[in-house]
C-alpha atoms as a PDB file:
ATOM      1  CA  MET A   1      24.445 -19.493 -17.800  1.00  0.00           C
ATOM      2  CA  GLU A   2      26.544 -22.595 -16.819  1.00  0.00           C
ATOM      3  CA  THR A   3      24.621 -22.493 -13.170  1.00  0.00           C
ATOM      4  CA  ALA A   4      21.296 -22.315 -15.058  1.00  0.00           C
ATOM      5  CA  GLU A   5      21.904 -25.198 -17.180  1.00  0.00           C
ATOM      6  CA  ARG A   6      23.278 -27.287 -14.507  1.00  0.00           C
ATOM      7  CA  PHE A   7      20.071 -26.807 -12.281  1.00  0.00           C
ATOM      8  CA  GLY A   8      17.511 -26.754 -15.429  1.00  0.00           C
ATOM      9  CA  LEU A   9      16.492 -22.971 -14.435  1.00  0.00           C
ATOM     10  CA  ARG A  10      16.534 -20.130 -16.831  1.00  0.00           C
ATOM     11  CA  HIS A  11      19.167 -17.721 -16.806  1.00  0.00           C
ATOM     12  CA  LYS A  12      17.085 -14.711 -16.081  1.00  0.00           C
ATOM     13  CA  ARG A  13      16.264 -16.297 -12.855  1.00  0.00           C
ATOM     14  CA  ILE A  14      19.750 -16.583 -11.635  1.00  0.00           C
ATOM     15  CA  GLN A  15      20.208 -13.100 -12.658  1.00  0.00           C
ATOM     16  CA  ASP A  16      17.217 -12.080 -10.653  1.00  0.00           C
ATOM     17  CA  TRP A  17      18.803 -13.908  -7.545  1.00  0.00           C
ATOM     18  CA  GLU A  18      22.073 -12.313  -8.057  1.00  0.00           C
ATOM     19  CA  ARG A  19      20.598  -8.685  -8.108  1.00  0.00           C
ATOM     20  CA  ILE A  20      18.924  -9.635  -5.005  1.00  0.00           C
ATOM     21  CA  TYR A  21      22.004 -10.800  -3.250  1.00  0.00           C
ATOM     22  CA  LEU A  22      23.850  -7.971  -4.230  1.00  0.00           C
ATOM     23  CA  THR A  23      21.410  -4.884  -3.608  1.00  0.00           C
ATOM     24  CA  GLU A  24      20.217  -7.028  -0.272  1.00  0.00           C
ATOM     25  CA  GLY A  25      22.164  -9.356   0.766  1.00  0.00           C
ATOM     26  CA  GLY A  26      21.732 -12.608   1.644  1.00  0.00           C
ATOM     27  CA  GLU A  27      18.734 -12.078   3.687  1.00  0.00           C
ATOM     28  CA  GLY A  28      17.419 -10.543   0.541  1.00  0.00           C
ATOM     29  CA  LEU A  29      16.884 -13.937  -0.827  1.00  0.00           C
ATOM     30  CA  TYR A  30      14.420 -15.335   1.948  1.00  0.00           C
ATOM     31  CA  ILE A  31      11.767 -12.420   1.002  1.00  0.00           C
ATOM     32  CA  ASP A  32       8.925 -13.194  -1.306  1.00  0.00           C
ATOM     33  CA  HIS A  33       9.583 -10.883  -4.277  1.00  0.00           C
ATOM     34  CA  ARG A  34       6.766 -11.942  -6.414  1.00  0.00           C
ATOM     35  CA  GLY A  35       3.617  -9.704  -7.726  1.00  0.00           C
ATOM     36  CA  ARG A  36       3.249  -6.306  -6.016  1.00  0.00           C
ATOM     37  CA  GLY A  37       3.529  -5.519  -2.227  1.00  0.00           C
ATOM     38  CA  SER A  38       0.716  -5.605   0.054  1.00  0.00           C
ATOM     39  CA  THR A  39      -0.350  -2.347   1.230  1.00  0.00           C
ATOM     40  CA  GLY A  40      -1.512  -4.276   4.054  1.00  0.00           C
ATOM     41  CA  ARG A  41      -4.152  -3.154   6.576  1.00  0.00           C
ATOM     42  CA  PRO A  42      -5.129   0.435   6.750  1.00  0.00           C
ATOM     43  CA  LEU A  43      -3.404   2.316   9.733  1.00  0.00           C
ATOM     44  CA  LYS A  44      -5.482   3.018  12.771  1.00  0.00           C
ATOM     45  CA  LEU A  45      -5.824   6.589  13.315  1.00  0.00           C
ATOM     46  CA  PRO A  46      -5.604   7.885  17.042  1.00  0.00           C
ATOM     47  CA  LYS A  47      -9.035   7.982  18.979  1.00  0.00           C
ATOM     48  CA  GLU A  48      -8.854  11.885  19.134  1.00  0.00           C
ATOM     49  CA  VAL A  49      -7.765  12.348  15.254  1.00  0.00           C
ATOM     50  CA  GLU A  50     -11.093   9.754  14.402  1.00  0.00           C
ATOM     51  CA  GLU A  51     -13.327  11.625  16.711  1.00  0.00           C
ATOM     52  CA  ASN A  52     -12.217  15.248  15.067  1.00  0.00           C
ATOM     53  CA  LEU A  53     -12.950  13.768  11.679  1.00  0.00           C
ATOM     54  CA  LEU A  54     -16.574  12.619  12.956  1.00  0.00           C
ATOM     55  CA  ALA A  55     -17.490  15.479  14.482  1.00  0.00           C
ATOM     56  CA  GLU A  56     -16.234  17.680  10.981  1.00  0.00           C
ATOM     57  CA  ASN A  57     -18.058  15.605   8.827  1.00  0.00           C
ATOM     58  CA  GLN A  58     -21.146  16.041  11.021  1.00  0.00           C
ATOM     59  CA  ARG A  59     -20.686  19.570  10.525  1.00  0.00           C
ATOM     60  CA  LEU A  60     -20.325  19.528   7.109  1.00  0.00           C
ATOM     61  CA  LYS A  61     -23.238  17.325   6.524  1.00  0.00           C
ATOM     62  CA  VAL A  62     -25.542  20.039   8.531  1.00  0.00           C
ATOM     63  CA  GLU A  63     -23.805  22.836   6.800  1.00  0.00           C
ATOM     64  CA  LEU A  64     -24.701  21.510   3.427  1.00  0.00           C
ATOM     65  CA  ALA A  65     -28.447  20.675   4.282  1.00  0.00           C
ATOM     66  CA  TYR A  66     -28.837  24.316   5.395  1.00  0.00           C
ATOM     67  CA  LEU A  67     -27.104  25.774   2.308  1.00  0.00           C
ATOM     68  CA  LYS A  68     -29.735  23.325   0.312  1.00  0.00           C
ATOM     69  CA  LYS A  69     -32.732  24.186   2.462  1.00  0.00           C
ATOM     70  CA  LEU A  70     -31.574  27.849   1.856  1.00  0.00           C
ATOM     71  CA  HIS A  71     -31.192  27.234  -1.687  1.00  0.00           C
ATOM     72  CA  LEU A  72     -34.345  26.148  -2.276  1.00  0.00           C
ATOM     73  CA  THR A  73     -36.357  28.798  -0.582  1.00  0.00           C
ATOM     74  CA  THR A  74     -34.949  31.576  -2.527  1.00  0.00           C
END
């Protein structure tokens, strides 16, 4: 409380800094802890996996089209 009053900060702010320091160490105080964490850019799939997924997607589209056509003729 004394530190918060001395520097014109809320007591909660000092408690947050203390918690971060105790759990993450001094380096943790340099990390921006505001808001939600960024999900970042989506991971890029290996080329082989991406090609396999595209091929499977195409196969499923053809299968669906065939089943729809089959259903319409019956």
